[in-house]
Amino acid sequence: MNTLPLPTETPHPAHAGLDGYRTADLVEAFAADQLNAVQAVRAAGPALAAAVDAAVPRLRAGGRLIYVGAGTSGRLGLLDSVELHPTFSWPRERALALLAGGPGAVLQAVEGAEDDAAQGAADLQALAPGANDVVLLIAASGTTPYAIGAAGAARAAGALALGFANNPGAPLLAAVDIAVLLDTGPEVISGSTRLKAGTAQKIALNSFSSSVMVRLHKTYGPLMVDLRATNAKLRQRALALTRRASGPSGADEAAAAAALAACGHSVKTAIVMLRAAVDAAEAGRRLEAADGSVRVALGE
């Protein structure tokens, strides 16, 4: 058995005197080390792209995104899951998160919960995963039993299992269908994977889910046109998006607001109404025929 510490647990060779640093040097050390998170995600680009391409057909067929993790990894999965609805109108019931120790572990660590592989499997099985579901297993160490147990249950159910870990050769990466290695190495504070390992996970999850949503026609160019205006800030954003996307010179505020009001504040529908000079019903039909793609609905 390999008894050497995991790279994420190994003391950083450049910061043996960390506790003696001046404050400005402490801040620089932590900030500079975060650059390695970006490099790790970019190196994982091919694996992330493969994960997106494998996930999209399942999600088009009605599958769910299910995030699984413990501690910081679990909380990052939860964060990604809850942001999909306000950003892309992704149904809440199709973006779920399992955190070792249950919902209470969001605010307070539940000792030992991450060590229970059987509980990880049971928690996932309770969601009745199916072949169209996409399960994201997240663990900085890649050795977390809770995540590994859930990975086994996901694959047994025929779901797509995606593994995110920060150590090469981690067991989790061998237990999934597509492995995403985020090789961030030692932390400035040894073993504190809430630092650049967590940053890399956040970037990777953002990159994965955002790419999936683009492939599912949740954007028009770089514009997030599938948002739902549920508060004042989002209503203003919806209005601005509609005006910006409605043509080369953009619709005036009154016309954009009228279109939004006529279609239940669906930005996509309002854009098609304004650009194609059709009513809300016809714009809705065109979008439905185009699988939700504004570009295809406009014949572009």
C-alpha atoms as a PDB file:
ATOM      1  CA  MET A   1       0.000   0.000   0.000  1.00  0.00           C
ATOM      2  CA  ASN A   2       1.217   3.502  -0.863  1.00  0.00           C
ATOM      3  CA  THR A   3       1.689   5.348   2.433  1.00  0.00           C
ATOM      4  CA  LEU A   4       2.956   8.583   0.887  1.00  0.00           C
ATOM      5  CA  PRO A   5       0.694  11.593   1.462  1.00  0.00           C
ATOM      6  CA  LEU A   6      -1.568  12.675  -1.367  1.00  0.00           C
ATOM      7  CA  PRO A   7      -0.278  15.659  -3.369  1.00  0.00           C
ATOM      8  CA  THR A   8      -3.109  17.781  -1.969  1.00  0.00           C
ATOM      9  CA  GLU A   9      -1.954  16.875   1.563  1.00  0.00           C
ATOM     10  CA  THR A  10       1.759  17.446   0.973  1.00  0.00           C
ATOM     11  CA  PRO A  11       3.400  20.575   2.465  1.00  0.00           C
ATOM     12  CA  HIS A  12       4.066  23.210  -0.183  1.00  0.00           C
ATOM     13  CA  PRO A  13       7.842  23.339  -0.850  1.00  0.00           C
ATOM     14  CA  ALA A  14       7.820  27.106  -1.400  1.00  0.00           C
ATOM     15  CA  HIS A  15       6.127  28.127   1.838  1.00  0.00           C
ATOM     16  CA  ALA A  16       7.904  26.468   4.758  1.00  0.00           C
ATOM     17  CA  GLY A  17       8.079  29.820   6.546  1.00  0.00           C
ATOM     18  CA  LEU A  18       4.457  30.803   5.914  1.00  0.00           C
ATOM     19  CA  ASP A  19       3.676  31.794   9.501  1.00  0.00           C
ATOM     20  CA  GLY A  20       6.523  34.322   9.444  1.00  0.00           C
ATOM     21  CA  TYR A  21       5.395  36.148   6.318  1.00  0.00           C
ATOM     22  CA  ARG A  22       4.438  39.815   6.332  1.00  0.00           C
ATOM     23  CA  THR A  23       0.713  40.304   5.730  1.00  0.00           C
ATOM     24  CA  ALA A  24       1.258  41.578   2.193  1.00  0.00           C
ATOM     25  CA  ASP A  25       3.340  38.490   1.417  1.00  0.00           C
ATOM     26  CA  LEU A  26       0.666  36.190   2.865  1.00  0.00           C
ATOM     27  CA  VAL A  27      -1.971  37.697   0.616  1.00  0.00           C
ATOM     28  CA  GLU A  28       0.341  37.428  -2.404  1.00  0.00           C
ATOM     29  CA  ALA A  29       1.165  33.781  -1.624  1.00  0.00           C
ATOM     30  CA  PHE A  30      -2.483  32.756  -1.463  1.00  0.00           C
ATOM     31  CA  ALA A  31      -3.543  34.798  -4.495  1.00  0.00           C
ATOM     32  CA  ALA A  32      -0.619  33.715  -6.676  1.00  0.00           C
ATOM     33  CA  ASP A  33      -1.155  30.039  -5.899  1.00  0.00           C
ATOM     34  CA  GLN A  34      -4.725  30.286  -7.196  1.00  0.00           C
ATOM     35  CA  LEU A  35      -3.336  30.711 -10.716  1.00  0.00           C
ATOM     36  CA  ASN A  36      -2.516  27.000 -10.629  1.00  0.00           C
ATOM     37  CA  ALA A  37      -6.236  26.266 -10.357  1.00  0.00           C
ATOM     38  CA  VAL A  38      -6.851  27.852 -13.753  1.00  0.00           C
ATOM     39  CA  GLN A  39      -3.973  25.888 -15.276  1.00  0.00           C
ATOM     40  CA  ALA A  40      -5.338  22.629 -13.821  1.00  0.00           C
ATOM     41  CA  VAL A  41      -8.774  23.203 -15.324  1.00  0.00           C
ATOM     42  CA  ARG A  42      -7.337  24.112 -18.711  1.00  0.00           C
ATOM     43  CA  ALA A  43      -5.276  20.909 -18.666  1.00  0.00           C
ATOM     44  CA  ALA A  44      -8.496  19.005 -17.948  1.00  0.00           C
ATOM     45  CA  GLY A  45     -10.207  20.633 -20.938  1.00  0.00           C
ATOM     46  CA  PRO A  46     -10.448  17.487 -23.102  1.00  0.00           C
ATOM     47  CA  ALA A  47     -11.993  15.485 -20.251  1.00  0.00           C
ATOM     48  CA  LEU A  48     -14.459  18.276 -19.488  1.00  0.00           C
ATOM     49  CA  ALA A  49     -15.426  18.481 -23.169  1.00  0.00           C
ATOM     50  CA  ALA A  50     -15.997  14.723 -23.257  1.00  0.00           C
ATOM     51  CA  ALA A  51     -18.151  15.019 -20.143  1.00  0.00           C
ATOM     52  CA  VAL A  52     -20.269  17.747 -21.750  1.00  0.00           C
ATOM     53  CA  ASP A  53     -20.742  15.786 -24.964  1.00  0.00           C
ATOM     54  CA  ALA A  54     -21.752  12.674 -23.026  1.00  0.00           C
ATOM     55  CA  ALA A  55     -24.129  14.576 -20.751  1.00  0.00           C
ATOM     56  CA  VAL A  56     -26.065  16.656 -23.285  1.00  0.00           C
ATOM     57  CA  PRO A  57     -27.996  13.814 -25.028  1.00  0.00           C
ATOM     58  CA  ARG A  58     -29.080  12.433 -21.655  1.00  0.00           C
ATOM     59  CA  LEU A  59     -30.255  15.817 -20.453  1.00  0.00           C
ATOM     60  CA  ARG A  60     -32.094  16.450 -23.723  1.00  0.00           C
ATOM     61  CA  ALA A  61     -33.923  13.194 -23.041  1.00  0.00           C
ATOM     62  CA  GLY A  62     -35.114  14.482 -19.662  1.00  0.00           C
ATOM     63  CA  GLY A  63     -32.257  13.494 -17.378  1.00  0.00           C
ATOM     64  CA  ARG A  64     -31.174  15.247 -14.208  1.00  0.00           C
ATOM     65  CA  LEU A  65     -27.907  16.697 -12.984  1.00  0.00           C
ATOM     66  CA  ILE A  66     -27.078  15.196  -9.585  1.00  0.00           C
ATOM     67  CA  TYR A  67     -24.090  16.561  -7.666  1.00  0.00           C
ATOM     68  CA  VAL A  68     -22.497  14.450  -4.916  1.00  0.00           C
ATOM     69  CA  GLY A  69     -19.730  15.362  -2.494  1.00  0.00           C
ATOM     70  CA  ALA A  70     -18.597  15.970   1.067  1.00  0.00           C
ATOM     71  CA  GLY A  71     -17.366  19.114   2.803  1.00  0.00           C
ATOM     72  CA  THR A  72     -16.132  21.874   0.506  1.00  0.00           C
ATOM     73  CA  SER A  73     -16.589  19.678  -2.580  1.00  0.00           C
ATOM     74  CA  GLY A  74     -20.200  18.951  -1.687  1.00  0.00           C
ATOM     75  CA  ARG A  75     -20.943  22.609  -1.007  1.00  0.00           C
ATOM     76  CA  LEU A  76     -19.458  23.611  -4.360  1.00  0.00           C
ATOM     77  CA  GLY A  77     -21.670  21.038  -6.071  1.00  0.00           C
ATOM     78  CA  LEU A  78     -24.687  22.406  -4.239  1.00  0.00           C
ATOM     79  CA  LEU A  79     -23.775  25.944  -5.305  1.00  0.00           C
ATOM     80  CA  ASP A  80     -23.540  24.967  -8.966  1.00  0.00           C
ATOM     81  CA  SER A  81     -26.865  23.135  -8.792  1.00  0.00           C
ATOM     82  CA  VAL A  82     -28.876  25.983  -7.275  1.00  0.00           C
ATOM     83  CA  GLU A  83     -27.524  28.607  -9.689  1.00  0.00           C
ATOM     84  CA  LEU A  84     -28.773  26.816 -12.800  1.00  0.00           C
ATOM     85  CA  HIS A  85     -32.417  27.802 -12.353  1.00  0.00           C
ATOM     86  CA  PRO A  86     -32.025  31.587 -12.047  1.00  0.00           C
ATOM     87  CA  THR A  87     -29.339  31.691 -14.740  1.00  0.00           C
ATOM     88  CA  PHE A  88     -30.775  29.291 -17.324  1.00  0.00           C
ATOM     89  CA  SER A  89     -34.327  28.472 -16.141  1.00  0.00           C
ATOM     90  CA  TRP A  90     -33.139  24.905 -15.631  1.00  0.00           C
ATOM     91  CA  PRO A  91     -35.882  23.101 -13.643  1.00  0.00           C
ATOM     92  CA  ARG A  92     -35.031  22.911  -9.942  1.00  0.00           C
ATOM     93  CA  GLU A  93     -36.140  19.288  -9.778  1.00  0.00           C
ATOM     94  CA  ARG A  94     -33.554  18.442 -12.436  1.00  0.00           C
ATOM     95  CA  ALA A  95     -30.571  19.879 -10.542  1.00  0.00           C
ATOM     96  CA  LEU A  96     -30.114  18.040  -7.254  1.00  0.00           C
ATOM     97  CA  ALA A  97     -27.281  17.925  -4.746  1.00  0.00           C
ATOM     98  CA  LEU A  98     -26.299  15.308  -2.179  1.00  0.00           C
ATOM     99  CA  LEU A  99     -23.984  16.360   0.629  1.00  0.00           C
ATOM    100  CA  ALA A 100     -22.463  13.822   3.026  1.00  0.00           C
ATOM    101  CA  GLY A 101     -24.213  14.332   6.342  1.00  0.00           C
ATOM    102  CA  GLY A 102     -27.371  15.746   4.796  1.00  0.00           C
ATOM    103  CA  PRO A 103     -28.601  19.333   4.431  1.00  0.00           C
ATOM    104  CA  GLY A 104     -27.290  20.305   7.857  1.00  0.00           C
ATOM    105  CA  ALA A 105     -23.742  19.725   6.622  1.00  0.00           C
ATOM    106  CA  VAL A 106     -24.012  22.859   4.491  1.00  0.00           C
ATOM    107  CA  LEU A 107     -23.427  24.990   7.580  1.00  0.00           C
ATOM    108  CA  GLN A 108     -21.710  22.583   9.967  1.00  0.00           C
ATOM    109  CA  ALA A 109     -19.416  19.636   9.342  1.00  0.00           C
ATOM    110  CA  VAL A 110     -20.906  16.226  10.156  1.00  0.00           C
ATOM    111  CA  GLU A 111     -18.021  14.181  11.481  1.00  0.00           C
ATOM    112  CA  GLY A 112     -17.493  10.831   9.791  1.00  0.00           C
ATOM    113  CA  ALA A 113     -20.258  11.286   7.199  1.00  0.00           C
ATOM    114  CA  GLU A 114     -17.810  11.343   4.303  1.00  0.00           C
ATOM    115  CA  ASP A 115     -16.364   7.982   5.379  1.00  0.00           C
ATOM    116  CA  ASP A 116     -19.613   6.075   4.749  1.00  0.00           C
ATOM    117  CA  ALA A 117     -19.599   4.571   1.261  1.00  0.00           C
ATOM    118  CA  ALA A 118     -22.834   2.669   1.900  1.00  0.00           C
ATOM    119  CA  GLN A 119     -24.599   5.904   2.811  1.00  0.00           C
ATOM    120  CA  GLY A 120     -23.352   7.548  -0.373  1.00  0.00           C
ATOM    121  CA  ALA A 121     -24.827   4.692  -2.389  1.00  0.00           C
ATOM    122  CA  ALA A 122     -28.072   4.744  -0.400  1.00  0.00           C
ATOM    123  CA  ASP A 123     -28.509   8.503  -0.730  1.00  0.00           C
ATOM    124  CA  LEU A 124     -28.120   8.294  -4.489  1.00  0.00           C
ATOM    125  CA  GLN A 125     -30.387   5.256  -4.795  1.00  0.00           C
ATOM    126  CA  ALA A 126     -33.081   7.192  -2.911  1.00  0.00           C
ATOM    127  CA  LEU A 127     -33.225   9.549  -5.905  1.00  0.00           C
ATOM    128  CA  ALA A 128     -33.953   6.571  -8.209  1.00  0.00           C
ATOM    129  CA  PRO A 129     -31.266   7.421 -10.776  1.00  0.00           C
ATOM    130  CA  GLY A 130     -31.827   6.328 -14.344  1.00  0.00           C
ATOM    131  CA  ALA A 131     -29.984   6.048 -17.636  1.00  0.00           C
ATOM    132  CA  ASN A 132     -30.583   9.693 -18.567  1.00  0.00           C
ATOM    133  CA  ASP A 133     -29.244  11.112 -15.318  1.00  0.00           C
ATOM    134  CA  VAL A 134     -25.795  12.683 -15.034  1.00  0.00           C
ATOM    135  CA  VAL A 135     -24.106  12.259 -11.648  1.00  0.00           C
ATOM    136  CA  LEU A 136     -21.158  14.492 -10.755  1.00  0.00           C
ATOM    137  CA  LEU A 137     -18.967  12.973  -8.038  1.00  0.00           C
ATOM    138  CA  ILE A 138     -16.687  15.610  -6.503  1.00  0.00           C
ATOM    139  CA  ALA A 139     -13.831  14.988  -4.049  1.00  0.00           C
ATOM    140  CA  ALA A 140     -10.561  16.873  -3.803  1.00  0.00           C
ATOM    141  CA  SER A 141      -8.702  13.860  -2.430  1.00  0.00           C
ATOM    142  CA  GLY A 142     -10.462  11.461  -4.775  1.00  0.00           C
ATOM    143  CA  THR A 143     -10.579   8.965  -1.921  1.00  0.00           C
ATOM    144  CA  THR A 144     -13.809  10.035  -0.179  1.00  0.00           C
ATOM    145  CA  PRO A 145     -15.848   6.861   0.466  1.00  0.00           C
ATOM    146  CA  TYR A 146     -19.186   8.697   0.326  1.00  0.00           C
ATOM    147  CA  ALA A 147     -18.496   9.872  -3.233  1.00  0.00           C
ATOM    148  CA  ILE A 148     -17.043   6.527  -4.323  1.00  0.00           C
ATOM    149  CA  GLY A 149     -20.085   4.688  -2.961  1.00  0.00           C
ATOM    150  CA  ALA A 150     -22.388   7.020  -4.861  1.00  0.00           C
ATOM    151  CA  ALA A 151     -20.304   6.498  -8.019  1.00  0.00           C
ATOM    152  CA  GLY A 152     -20.860   2.760  -7.809  1.00  0.00           C
ATOM    153  CA  ALA A 153     -24.594   3.245  -7.371  1.00  0.00           C
ATOM    154  CA  ALA A 154     -24.725   5.652 -10.306  1.00  0.00           C
ATOM    155  CA  ARG A 155     -23.033   3.246 -12.669  1.00  0.00           C
ATOM    156  CA  ALA A 156     -25.109   0.317 -11.430  1.00  0.00           C
ATOM    157  CA  ALA A 157     -28.224   2.302 -12.332  1.00  0.00           C
ATOM    158  CA  GLY A 158     -26.871   3.092 -15.804  1.00  0.00           C
ATOM    159  CA  ALA A 159     -26.466   6.814 -15.098  1.00  0.00           C
ATOM    160  CA  LEU A 160     -23.492   8.739 -16.473  1.00  0.00           C
ATOM    161  CA  ALA A 161     -20.937   9.082 -13.671  1.00  0.00           C
ATOM    162  CA  LEU A 162     -18.477  11.980 -13.901  1.00  0.00           C
ATOM    163  CA  GLY A 163     -15.634  12.181 -11.382  1.00  0.00           C
ATOM    164  CA  PHE A 164     -13.810  15.367 -10.314  1.00  0.00           C
ATOM    165  CA  ALA A 165     -10.698  14.941  -8.161  1.00  0.00           C
ATOM    166  CA  ASN A 166      -7.431  16.780  -7.535  1.00  0.00           C
ATOM    167  CA  ASN A 167      -4.991  13.881  -7.147  1.00  0.00           C
ATOM    168  CA  PRO A 168      -3.625  11.738  -9.999  1.00  0.00           C
ATOM    169  CA  GLY A 169      -4.524   8.071  -9.665  1.00  0.00           C
ATOM    170  CA  ALA A 170      -7.328   8.766  -7.189  1.00  0.00           C
ATOM    171  CA  PRO A 171      -9.764   5.855  -6.672  1.00  0.00           C
ATOM    172  CA  LEU A 172     -12.742   8.046  -7.544  1.00  0.00           C
ATOM    173  CA  LEU A 173     -11.325   8.683 -11.005  1.00  0.00           C
ATOM    174  CA  ALA A 174     -11.199   4.931 -11.622  1.00  0.00           C
ATOM    175  CA  ALA A 175     -14.774   4.457 -10.396  1.00  0.00           C
ATOM    176  CA  VAL A 176     -16.528   6.684 -12.952  1.00  0.00           C
ATOM    177  CA  ASP A 177     -17.323   6.758 -16.658  1.00  0.00           C
ATOM    178  CA  ILE A 178     -15.408   9.991 -17.346  1.00  0.00           C
ATOM    179  CA  ALA A 179     -12.635  11.200 -15.042  1.00  0.00           C
ATOM    180  CA  VAL A 180     -11.768  14.894 -14.712  1.00  0.00           C
ATOM    181  CA  LEU A 181      -8.393  15.273 -13.013  1.00  0.00           C
ATOM    182  CA  LEU A 182      -7.757  18.756 -11.616  1.00  0.00           C
ATOM    183  CA  ASP A 183      -4.113  18.336 -10.658  1.00  0.00           C
ATOM    184  CA  THR A 184      -3.532  21.322  -8.379  1.00  0.00           C
ATOM    185  CA  GLY A 185      -0.754  19.874  -6.206  1.00  0.00           C
ATOM    186  CA  PRO A 186       0.142  21.028  -2.663  1.00  0.00           C
ATOM    187  CA  GLU A 187      -1.768  23.841  -0.983  1.00  0.00           C
ATOM    188  CA  VAL A 188      -0.140  26.884   0.606  1.00  0.00           C
ATOM    189  CA  ILE A 189      -1.681  25.607   3.854  1.00  0.00           C
ATOM    190  CA  SER A 190      -1.050  21.885   3.746  1.00  0.00           C
ATOM    191  CA  GLY A 191      -4.234  19.905   3.167  1.00  0.00           C
ATOM    192  CA  SER A 192      -6.553  22.933   3.046  1.00  0.00           C
ATOM    193  CA  THR A 193      -8.293  21.997  -0.186  1.00  0.00           C
ATOM    194  CA  ARG A 194     -10.771  24.847   0.208  1.00  0.00           C
ATOM    195  CA  LEU A 195      -7.940  26.823  -1.422  1.00  0.00           C
ATOM    196  CA  LYS A 196      -6.838  26.185  -4.998  1.00  0.00           C
ATOM    197  CA  ALA A 197      -8.263  22.654  -5.168  1.00  0.00           C
ATOM    198  CA  GLY A 198     -11.672  24.127  -4.350  1.00  0.00           C
ATOM    199  CA  THR A 199     -11.133  26.963  -6.811  1.00  0.00           C
ATOM    200  CA  ALA A 200     -10.330  24.460  -9.556  1.00  0.00           C
ATOM    201  CA  GLN A 201     -13.478  22.502  -8.734  1.00  0.00           C
ATOM    202  CA  LYS A 202     -15.568  25.683  -8.896  1.00  0.00           C
ATOM    203  CA  ILE A 203     -14.088  26.646 -12.268  1.00  0.00           C
ATOM    204  CA  ALA A 204     -14.523  23.113 -13.621  1.00  0.00           C
ATOM    205  CA  LEU A 205     -18.141  22.856 -12.485  1.00  0.00           C
ATOM    206  CA  ASN A 206     -18.922  26.317 -13.905  1.00  0.00           C
ATOM    207  CA  SER A 207     -17.254  25.375 -17.188  1.00  0.00           C
ATOM    208  CA  PHE A 208     -19.072  22.045 -17.392  1.00  0.00           C
ATOM    209  CA  SER A 209     -22.569  23.243 -16.533  1.00  0.00           C
ATOM    210  CA  SER A 210     -22.312  26.444 -18.562  1.00  0.00           C
ATOM    211  CA  SER A 211     -21.107  24.504 -21.620  1.00  0.00           C
ATOM    212  CA  VAL A 212     -23.985  22.062 -21.177  1.00  0.00           C
ATOM    213  CA  MET A 213     -26.471  24.928 -21.043  1.00  0.00           C
ATOM    214  CA  VAL A 214     -25.042  26.514 -24.201  1.00  0.00           C
ATOM    215  CA  ARG A 215     -25.406  23.168 -25.973  1.00  0.00           C
ATOM    216  CA  LEU A 216     -29.020  23.025 -24.744  1.00  0.00           C
ATOM    217  CA  HIS A 217     -29.718  26.406 -26.420  1.00  0.00           C
ATOM    218  CA  LYS A 218     -29.913  28.394 -23.200  1.00  0.00           C
ATOM    219  CA  THR A 219     -27.929  31.231 -24.789  1.00  0.00           C
ATOM    220  CA  TYR A 220     -28.067  33.296 -27.977  1.00  0.00           C
ATOM    221  CA  GLY A 221     -24.484  34.173 -28.764  1.00  0.00           C
ATOM    222  CA  PRO A 222     -23.060  35.118 -25.356  1.00  0.00           C
ATOM    223  CA  LEU A 223     -26.424  36.281 -23.979  1.00  0.00           C
ATOM    224  CA  MET A 224     -28.255  34.331 -21.250  1.00  0.00           C
ATOM    225  CA  VAL A 225     -31.621  34.471 -22.951  1.00  0.00           C
ATOM    226  CA  ASP A 226     -33.359  31.688 -21.009  1.00  0.00           C
ATOM    227  CA  LEU A 227     -33.458  33.423 -17.654  1.00  0.00           C
ATOM    228  CA  ARG A 228     -36.736  34.063 -15.852  1.00  0.00           C
ATOM    229  CA  ALA A 229     -37.214  37.530 -14.373  1.00  0.00           C
ATOM    230  CA  THR A 230     -38.114  36.780 -10.753  1.00  0.00           C
ATOM    231  CA  ASN A 231     -36.910  40.012  -9.120  1.00  0.00           C
ATOM    232  CA  ALA A 232     -36.240  43.644  -9.985  1.00  0.00           C
ATOM    233  CA  LYS A 233     -32.604  43.055 -10.937  1.00  0.00           C
ATOM    234  CA  LEU A 234     -33.512  40.185 -13.262  1.00  0.00           C
ATOM    235  CA  ARG A 235     -36.385  42.149 -14.817  1.00  0.00           C
ATOM    236  CA  GLN A 236     -33.942  44.880 -15.724  1.00  0.00           C
ATOM    237  CA  ARG A 237     -31.511  42.282 -17.060  1.00  0.00           C
ATOM    238  CA  ALA A 238     -34.266  40.663 -19.122  1.00  0.00           C
ATOM    239  CA  LEU A 239     -35.185  44.025 -20.601  1.00  0.00           C
ATOM    240  CA  ALA A 240     -31.565  44.834 -21.431  1.00  0.00           C
ATOM    241  CA  LEU A 241     -30.999  41.392 -22.990  1.00  0.00           C
ATOM    242  CA  THR A 242     -34.130  41.678 -25.091  1.00  0.00           C
ATOM    243  CA  ARG A 243     -33.161  45.097 -26.381  1.00  0.00           C
ATOM    244  CA  ARG A 244     -29.577  44.023 -27.121  1.00  0.00           C
ATOM    245  CA  ALA A 245     -30.591  40.863 -28.986  1.00  0.00           C
ATOM    246  CA  SER A 246     -33.563  42.264 -30.869  1.00  0.00           C
ATOM    247  CA  GLY A 247     -31.610  43.580 -33.847  1.00  0.00           C
ATOM    248  CA  PRO A 248     -28.548  45.528 -35.014  1.00  0.00           C
ATOM    249  CA  SER A 249     -29.728  48.761 -33.428  1.00  0.00           C
ATOM    250  CA  GLY A 250     -31.813  47.165 -30.681  1.00  0.00           C
ATOM    251  CA  ALA A 251     -35.489  47.703 -29.912  1.00  0.00           C
ATOM    252  CA  ASP A 252     -36.465  50.707 -27.881  1.00  0.00           C
ATOM    253  CA  GLU A 253     -37.341  50.191 -24.243  1.00  0.00           C
ATOM    254  CA  ALA A 254     -41.095  50.444 -24.733  1.00  0.00           C
ATOM    255  CA  ALA A 255     -41.170  47.856 -27.539  1.00  0.00           C
ATOM    256  CA  ALA A 256     -38.986  45.424 -25.610  1.00  0.00           C
ATOM    257  CA  ALA A 257     -41.062  45.830 -22.462  1.00  0.00           C
ATOM    258  CA  ALA A 258     -44.286  45.267 -24.419  1.00  0.00           C
ATOM    259  CA  ALA A 259     -42.923  42.103 -26.030  1.00  0.00           C
ATOM    260  CA  LEU A 260     -41.818  40.737 -22.671  1.00  0.00           C
ATOM    261  CA  ALA A 261     -45.189  41.480 -21.124  1.00  0.00           C
ATOM    262  CA  ALA A 262     -46.972  39.727 -24.005  1.00  0.00           C
ATOM    263  CA  CYS A 263     -45.036  36.473 -23.602  1.00  0.00           C
ATOM    264  CA  GLY A 264     -44.806  36.104 -19.839  1.00  0.00           C
ATOM    265  CA  HIS A 265     -41.369  37.720 -19.677  1.00  0.00           C
ATOM    266  CA  SER A 266     -39.651  34.966 -21.671  1.00  0.00           C
ATOM    267  CA  VAL A 267     -36.566  36.635 -23.129  1.00  0.00           C
ATOM    268  CA  LYS A 268     -36.206  34.041 -25.876  1.00  0.00           C
ATOM    269  CA  THR A 269     -39.777  34.508 -27.025  1.00  0.00           C
ATOM    270  CA  ALA A 270     -39.538  38.290 -26.926  1.00  0.00           C
ATOM    271  CA  ILE A 271     -36.391  38.241 -29.076  1.00  0.00           C
ATOM    272  CA  VAL A 272     -38.059  36.095 -31.741  1.00  0.00           C
ATOM    273  CA  MET A 273     -41.167  38.289 -31.633  1.00  0.00           C
ATOM    274  CA  LEU A 274     -39.155  41.440 -32.231  1.00  0.00           C
ATOM    275  CA  ARG A 275     -36.677  40.112 -34.774  1.00  0.00           C
ATOM    276  CA  ALA A 276     -39.209  38.121 -36.806  1.00  0.00           C
ATOM    277  CA  ALA A 277     -42.119  40.561 -36.336  1.00  0.00           C
ATOM    278  CA  VAL A 278     -44.464  37.837 -35.106  1.00  0.00           C
ATOM    279  CA  ASP A 279     -46.778  37.544 -32.109  1.00  0.00           C
ATOM    280  CA  ALA A 280     -46.000  35.612 -28.930  1.00  0.00           C
ATOM    281  CA  ALA A 281     -47.854  32.479 -30.020  1.00  0.00           C
ATOM    282  CA  GLU A 282     -45.991  32.241 -33.321  1.00  0.00           C
ATOM    283  CA  ALA A 283     -42.648  32.961 -31.630  1.00  0.00           C
ATOM    284  CA  GLY A 284     -43.372  30.183 -29.155  1.00  0.00           C
ATOM    285  CA  ARG A 285     -44.185  27.745 -31.958  1.00  0.00           C
ATOM    286  CA  ARG A 286     -40.963  28.593 -33.783  1.00  0.00           C
ATOM    287  CA  LEU A 287     -38.899  28.087 -30.646  1.00  0.00           C
ATOM    288  CA  GLU A 288     -40.569  24.770 -29.917  1.00  0.00           C
ATOM    289  CA  ALA A 289     -39.865  23.556 -33.459  1.00  0.00           C
ATOM    290  CA  ALA A 290     -36.255  24.698 -33.073  1.00  0.00           C
ATOM    291  CA  ASP A 291     -35.741  22.799 -29.795  1.00  0.00           C
ATOM    292  CA  GLY A 292     -35.459  26.119 -27.983  1.00  0.00           C
ATOM    293  CA  SER A 293     -32.721  27.572 -30.173  1.00  0.00           C
ATOM    294  CA  VAL A 294     -33.251  31.284 -30.870  1.00  0.00           C
ATOM    295  CA  ARG A 295     -30.770  31.134 -33.730  1.00  0.00           C
ATOM    296  CA  VAL A 296     -32.581  28.258 -35.459  1.00  0.00           C
ATOM    297  CA  ALA A 297     -36.003  29.792 -34.773  1.00  0.00           C
ATOM    298  CA  LEU A 298     -34.811  32.907 -36.621  1.00  0.00           C
ATOM    299  CA  GLY A 299     -33.387  30.883 -39.501  1.00  0.00           C
ATOM    300  CA  GLU A 300     -29.875  32.131 -38.901  1.00  0.00           C
END
